[in-house]
């Protein structure tokens, strides 16, 4: 990964690129962004679990294309990576390696989308509705949980427990078996069993990957939405381990996942019911 930073320093002004950028709506974004007049290019390098399963790379691409400006183009640097990565070749503008002499020119050419296509604005507008719904449910459940914990309310008599109901998700050639899937009232959800910050964040990212894969289909780099309800990720420790008003709650919501910081079944059932009415109001 360090090689990418060196490459950028050698070919672009430091004011024209950001290595390891953070975006308030992305749990996992591109590895670098390169800008210029009328130009923006997102550069991706697969990590370990994306190499194990390209579905995770596809979901990172999907969320990035939804969040970044419609004129943003993409590059995948996956030289020497085997497996099914070639199946994503037409979803990135350029599929190449750092030693490709044409790479700097492609990154700088704002008109060249390569094998992919320009993002569709209407799809980007549509994702904001899902984001609003998911974030509203997160905020509602957080308020309920915080009120109950600060009052003399009795401990929940019924708690949700992990009862793995995992089944493979498929989107085109992409396949992924989400971790910690459960069912409540016949509805699939994710149960995040992590007890510390790092574990909760990692499990939330896996849950969000599954939700994105269920919600979108990639075609030449365009994520086309499918009609799916907001996914729910239950974490009994989220309120203590991460900022429920911060980046991870917002990033999950943008992926179509509502983070619920309790295992109280009554609260979760209330959120499920609220989902019906919140969805209708947007």
Protein backbone atom coordinates (compact mmCIF):
# COMPACT_ATOMS: atom_id res chain seq x y z
CA UNK A 1 0.00 0.00 0.00
CA UNK A 2 2.90 2.33 0.70
CA UNK A 3 3.85 1.98 -2.98
CA UNK A 4 0.62 3.80 -3.93
CA UNK A 5 1.50 6.79 -1.77
CA UNK A 6 5.00 6.94 -3.31
CA UNK A 7 3.51 6.72 -6.81
CA UNK A 8 1.16 9.62 -6.09
CA UNK A 9 3.97 11.74 -4.68
CA UNK A 10 6.05 11.11 -7.79
CA UNK A 11 3.34 11.93 -10.33
CA UNK A 12 1.05 14.50 -8.71
CA UNK A 13 1.27 17.62 -6.61
CA UNK A 14 0.61 17.01 -2.92
CA UNK A 15 -2.28 19.48 -3.13
CA UNK A 16 -3.94 17.30 -5.79
CA UNK A 17 -4.30 14.01 -3.94
CA UNK A 18 -5.38 12.59 -0.60
CA UNK A 19 -4.03 9.24 0.54
CA UNK A 20 -6.40 7.25 2.76
CA UNK A 21 -9.21 9.85 2.60
CA UNK A 22 -12.10 9.81 5.08
CA UNK A 23 -15.65 10.56 4.03
CA UNK A 24 -18.45 11.17 6.57
CA UNK A 25 -20.82 8.78 4.76
CA UNK A 26 -18.40 5.96 3.96
CA UNK A 27 -17.44 3.12 6.25
CA UNK A 28 -14.88 2.07 3.63
CA UNK A 29 -13.85 4.43 0.88
CA UNK A 30 -11.16 4.45 -1.82
CA UNK A 31 -7.47 4.23 -0.92
CA UNK A 32 -6.74 7.56 -2.59
CA UNK A 33 -8.48 10.44 -4.32
CA UNK A 34 -6.75 12.46 -7.03
CA UNK A 35 -8.25 15.77 -8.14
CA UNK A 36 -7.68 18.41 -10.78
CA UNK A 37 -9.67 20.93 -12.79
CA UNK A 38 -13.03 19.22 -13.36
CA UNK A 39 -11.45 15.93 -12.40
CA UNK A 40 -11.74 13.42 -9.58
CA UNK A 41 -10.38 9.87 -9.65
CA UNK A 42 -10.75 7.26 -6.89
CA UNK A 43 -8.00 4.67 -6.61
CA UNK A 44 -8.65 1.27 -5.05
CA UNK A 45 -6.22 -1.39 -3.85
CA UNK A 46 -7.78 -4.66 -2.57
CA UNK A 47 -7.13 -5.54 1.07
CA UNK A 48 -6.85 -9.01 2.56
CA UNK A 49 -10.52 -9.81 2.97
CA UNK A 50 -11.34 -8.32 -0.43
CA UNK A 51 -8.77 -10.64 -1.96
CA UNK A 52 -10.43 -13.55 -0.16
CA UNK A 53 -13.82 -12.46 -1.47
CA UNK A 54 -14.17 -9.76 -4.18
CA UNK A 55 -17.75 -9.11 -3.01
CA UNK A 56 -16.25 -6.90 -0.29
CA UNK A 57 -14.38 -4.87 -2.91
CA UNK A 58 -17.57 -4.56 -4.95
CA UNK A 59 -19.48 -3.18 -1.95
CA UNK A 60 -16.68 -0.67 -1.27
CA UNK A 61 -16.90 0.44 -4.89
CA UNK A 62 -20.69 0.69 -4.72
CA UNK A 63 -20.78 2.86 -1.62
CA UNK A 64 -17.98 5.07 -2.97
CA UNK A 65 -19.76 5.67 -6.27
CA UNK A 66 -22.92 6.56 -4.41
CA UNK A 67 -21.18 9.04 -2.11
CA UNK A 68 -18.62 10.69 -4.40
CA UNK A 69 -19.48 13.20 -7.17
CA UNK A 70 -21.03 11.73 -10.30
CA UNK A 71 -18.01 12.68 -12.43
CA UNK A 72 -15.65 10.68 -10.20
CA UNK A 73 -13.82 7.96 -12.12
CA UNK A 74 -12.25 4.78 -10.72
CA UNK A 75 -9.04 2.75 -10.92
CA UNK A 76 -8.37 -0.70 -9.47
CA UNK A 77 -4.74 -1.65 -8.82
CA UNK A 78 -4.80 -5.42 -8.54
CA UNK A 79 -1.72 -6.64 -10.34
CA UNK A 80 -0.97 -10.28 -9.53
CA UNK A 81 -4.26 -10.82 -7.70
CA UNK A 82 -5.94 -13.97 -8.94
CA UNK A 83 -9.33 -15.48 -8.27
CA UNK A 84 -12.49 -13.78 -9.48
CA UNK A 85 -11.14 -10.22 -9.67
CA UNK A 86 -11.26 -10.24 -13.46
CA UNK A 87 -15.06 -10.37 -13.15
CA UNK A 88 -14.97 -6.81 -11.76
CA UNK A 89 -12.87 -5.56 -14.67
CA UNK A 90 -15.73 -3.69 -16.34
CA UNK A 91 -16.91 -2.10 -13.10
CA UNK A 92 -13.74 -0.03 -12.73
CA UNK A 93 -12.65 2.54 -15.26
CA UNK A 94 -9.20 1.00 -15.38
CA UNK A 95 -7.99 -2.36 -14.05
CA UNK A 96 -4.21 -2.21 -13.97
CA UNK A 97 -1.00 -2.01 -11.92
CA UNK A 98 1.25 0.76 -10.63
CA UNK A 99 3.87 0.11 -13.30
CA UNK A 100 1.39 0.82 -16.11
CA UNK A 101 2.89 3.79 -17.98
CA UNK A 102 -0.61 4.91 -19.03
CA UNK A 103 -1.87 5.14 -15.44
CA UNK A 104 -0.93 8.80 -14.70
CA UNK A 105 -2.57 9.93 -17.95
CA UNK A 106 -5.78 8.03 -17.23
CA UNK A 107 -6.00 9.45 -13.70
CA UNK A 108 -5.58 12.99 -15.08
CA UNK A 109 -8.01 12.67 -18.00
CA UNK A 110 -11.39 13.78 -16.67
CA UNK A 111 -13.22 12.61 -19.81
CA UNK A 112 -11.99 9.01 -19.76
CA UNK A 113 -14.28 6.66 -17.84
CA UNK A 114 -12.60 3.61 -19.35
CA UNK A 115 -14.63 0.42 -19.07
CA UNK A 116 -17.11 1.93 -16.61
CA UNK A 117 -19.66 4.71 -17.04
CA UNK A 118 -20.45 8.06 -15.47
CA UNK A 119 -22.51 7.72 -12.31
CA UNK A 120 -26.26 8.38 -12.64
CA UNK A 121 -27.42 11.33 -10.56
CA UNK A 122 -30.90 9.92 -9.94
CA UNK A 123 -29.40 6.86 -8.24
CA UNK A 124 -27.33 9.06 -5.97
CA UNK A 125 -30.44 11.07 -5.10
CA UNK A 126 -32.38 7.89 -4.30
CA UNK A 127 -29.83 6.61 -1.79
CA UNK A 128 -30.44 9.65 0.42
CA UNK A 129 -33.97 8.44 1.16
CA UNK A 130 -32.64 5.11 2.46
CA UNK A 131 -29.97 6.96 4.44
CA UNK A 132 -32.59 9.20 6.08
CA UNK A 133 -34.78 6.22 7.02
CA UNK A 134 -31.89 4.19 8.46
CA UNK A 135 -30.52 7.15 10.42
CA UNK A 136 -33.96 8.03 11.79
CA UNK A 137 -34.36 4.47 13.12
CA UNK A 138 -30.88 4.57 14.65
CA UNK A 139 -31.63 7.85 16.40
CA UNK A 140 -35.02 6.62 17.64
CA UNK A 141 -33.59 3.42 19.10
CA UNK A 142 -30.70 5.32 20.69
CA UNK A 143 -33.10 7.73 22.41
CA UNK A 144 -35.25 4.86 23.70
CA UNK A 145 -32.22 2.95 24.96
CA UNK A 146 -30.65 5.97 26.62
CA UNK A 147 -33.93 6.91 28.33
CA UNK A 148 -34.44 3.41 29.68
CA UNK A 149 -30.88 3.18 30.96
CA UNK A 150 -31.08 6.53 32.74
CA UNK A 151 -34.44 5.79 34.36
CA UNK A 152 -35.51 3.19 36.85
CA UNK A 153 -36.93 0.99 34.13
CA UNK A 154 -36.49 -2.72 34.85
CA UNK A 155 -33.96 -4.71 32.89
CA UNK A 156 -35.34 -6.11 29.62
CA UNK A 157 -37.10 -9.41 30.21
CA UNK A 158 -36.44 -10.60 26.67
CA UNK A 159 -33.09 -10.18 25.00
CA UNK A 160 -32.00 -11.07 21.50
CA UNK A 161 -29.31 -13.72 21.21
CA UNK A 162 -27.16 -14.73 18.29
CA UNK A 163 -28.76 -17.66 16.47
CA UNK A 164 -26.84 -17.76 13.24
CA UNK A 165 -29.24 -17.95 10.29
CA UNK A 166 -26.62 -17.14 7.69
CA UNK A 167 -27.42 -17.97 4.10
CA UNK A 168 -25.42 -16.90 1.04
CA UNK A 169 -26.28 -13.59 -0.58
CA UNK A 170 -25.86 -13.31 -4.33
CA UNK A 171 -25.68 -10.34 -6.64
CA UNK A 172 -24.71 -11.39 -10.13
CA UNK A 173 -21.53 -13.43 -9.80
CA UNK A 174 -20.82 -12.01 -6.32
CA UNK A 175 -21.50 -14.23 -3.33
CA UNK A 176 -21.14 -13.55 0.37
CA UNK A 177 -22.32 -15.36 3.51
CA UNK A 178 -22.79 -12.62 6.14
CA UNK A 179 -21.60 -13.26 9.66
CA UNK A 180 -23.92 -13.17 12.66
CA UNK A 181 -27.21 -13.08 10.74
CA UNK A 182 -30.31 -13.73 12.84
CA UNK A 183 -34.05 -13.59 12.26
CA UNK A 184 -36.64 -11.67 14.24
CA UNK A 185 -40.27 -12.05 13.20
CA UNK A 186 -39.01 -13.60 9.97
CA UNK A 187 -36.85 -10.63 9.12
CA UNK A 188 -33.07 -11.12 8.65
CA UNK A 189 -30.87 -8.87 10.79
CA UNK A 190 -27.27 -8.77 11.95
CA UNK A 191 -26.23 -9.37 15.55
CA UNK A 192 -22.92 -7.70 16.41
CA UNK A 193 -21.50 -9.63 19.33
CA UNK A 194 -18.29 -7.57 19.64
CA UNK A 195 -17.49 -6.21 23.08
CA UNK A 196 -14.86 -3.64 22.18
CA UNK A 197 -14.70 -0.77 19.70
CA UNK A 198 -12.60 -2.50 17.04
CA UNK A 199 -14.73 -5.65 17.01
CA UNK A 200 -17.99 -3.69 16.82
CA UNK A 201 -16.67 -1.58 13.91
CA UNK A 202 -15.38 -4.60 12.00
CA UNK A 203 -18.63 -6.52 12.45
CA UNK A 204 -20.61 -3.43 11.43
CA UNK A 205 -18.57 -3.24 8.23
CA UNK A 206 -19.33 -6.88 7.44
CA UNK A 207 -23.04 -6.30 8.14
CA UNK A 208 -23.02 -3.24 5.86
CA UNK A 209 -21.30 -5.21 3.08
CA UNK A 210 -24.12 -7.75 3.18
CA UNK A 211 -26.75 -5.01 3.13
CA UNK A 212 -25.14 -3.29 0.13
CA UNK A 213 -24.88 -6.57 -1.76
CA UNK A 214 -28.59 -7.20 -1.15
CA UNK A 215 -29.55 -3.68 -2.18
CA UNK A 216 -27.55 -3.09 -5.39
CA UNK A 217 -26.46 -4.77 -8.60
CA UNK A 218 -23.30 -3.56 -10.36
CA UNK A 219 -23.34 -3.02 -14.12
CA UNK A 220 -20.31 -1.32 -15.72
CA UNK A 221 -19.63 0.43 -12.44
CA UNK A 222 -23.19 1.68 -11.90
CA UNK A 223 -24.91 0.36 -8.74
CA UNK A 224 -28.55 -0.19 -9.67
CA UNK A 225 -30.85 -0.32 -6.62
CA UNK A 226 -33.25 -3.11 -5.72
CA UNK A 227 -36.34 -2.69 -3.55
CA UNK A 228 -35.15 -3.75 -0.11
CA UNK A 229 -36.09 -2.65 3.42
CA UNK A 230 -33.51 -1.01 5.64
CA UNK A 231 -31.24 -3.62 7.21
CA UNK A 232 -30.96 -3.70 11.02
CA UNK A 233 -27.69 -4.36 12.87
CA UNK A 234 -28.12 -5.02 16.59
CA UNK A 235 -25.22 -4.22 18.92
CA UNK A 236 -25.72 -4.37 22.71
CA UNK A 237 -22.44 -2.49 23.24
CA UNK A 238 -22.54 0.11 20.44
CA UNK A 239 -23.61 3.00 22.69
CA UNK A 240 -20.57 2.40 24.94
CA UNK A 241 -17.99 1.64 22.24
CA UNK A 242 -18.68 4.10 19.39
CA UNK A 243 -20.24 7.54 18.93
CA UNK A 244 -23.85 6.86 17.99
CA UNK A 245 -24.03 10.28 16.32
CA UNK A 246 -20.69 9.92 14.56
CA UNK A 247 -19.13 8.57 11.41
CA UNK A 248 -19.87 4.87 11.88
CA UNK A 249 -23.59 5.33 12.55
CA UNK A 250 -23.85 7.65 9.53
CA UNK A 251 -21.73 5.38 7.32
CA UNK A 252 -23.89 2.38 8.24
CA UNK A 253 -27.06 4.35 7.47
CA UNK A 254 -25.69 5.37 4.08
CA UNK A 255 -25.14 1.69 3.30
CA UNK A 256 -28.80 1.00 4.17
CA UNK A 257 -28.07 -0.35 7.67
CA UNK A 258 -29.63 0.99 10.85
CA UNK A 259 -27.41 0.47 13.91
CA UNK A 260 -29.57 -0.42 16.95
CA UNK A 261 -27.63 -0.10 20.26
CA UNK A 262 -29.58 -2.64 22.31
CA UNK A 263 -30.53 -6.31 22.47
CA UNK A 264 -33.86 -5.48 24.11
CA UNK A 265 -36.43 -7.34 22.00
CA UNK A 266 -39.20 -4.85 22.81
CA UNK A 267 -37.14 -1.93 21.50
CA UNK A 268 -36.15 -3.85 18.38
CA UNK A 269 -39.76 -4.81 17.66
CA UNK A 270 -40.67 -1.14 18.07
CA UNK A 271 -38.01 -0.21 15.52
CA UNK A 272 -39.32 -2.81 13.07
CA UNK A 273 -42.81 -1.34 13.40
CA UNK A 274 -41.47 2.21 13.10
CA UNK A 275 -39.67 1.23 9.91
CA UNK A 276 -43.00 0.75 8.17
CA UNK A 277 -44.24 4.23 9.08
CA UNK A 278 -40.93 6.04 8.63
CA UNK A 279 -40.54 4.52 5.16
CA UNK A 280 -43.99 5.75 4.16
CA UNK A 281 -43.29 9.29 5.41
CA UNK A 282 -40.23 9.84 3.19
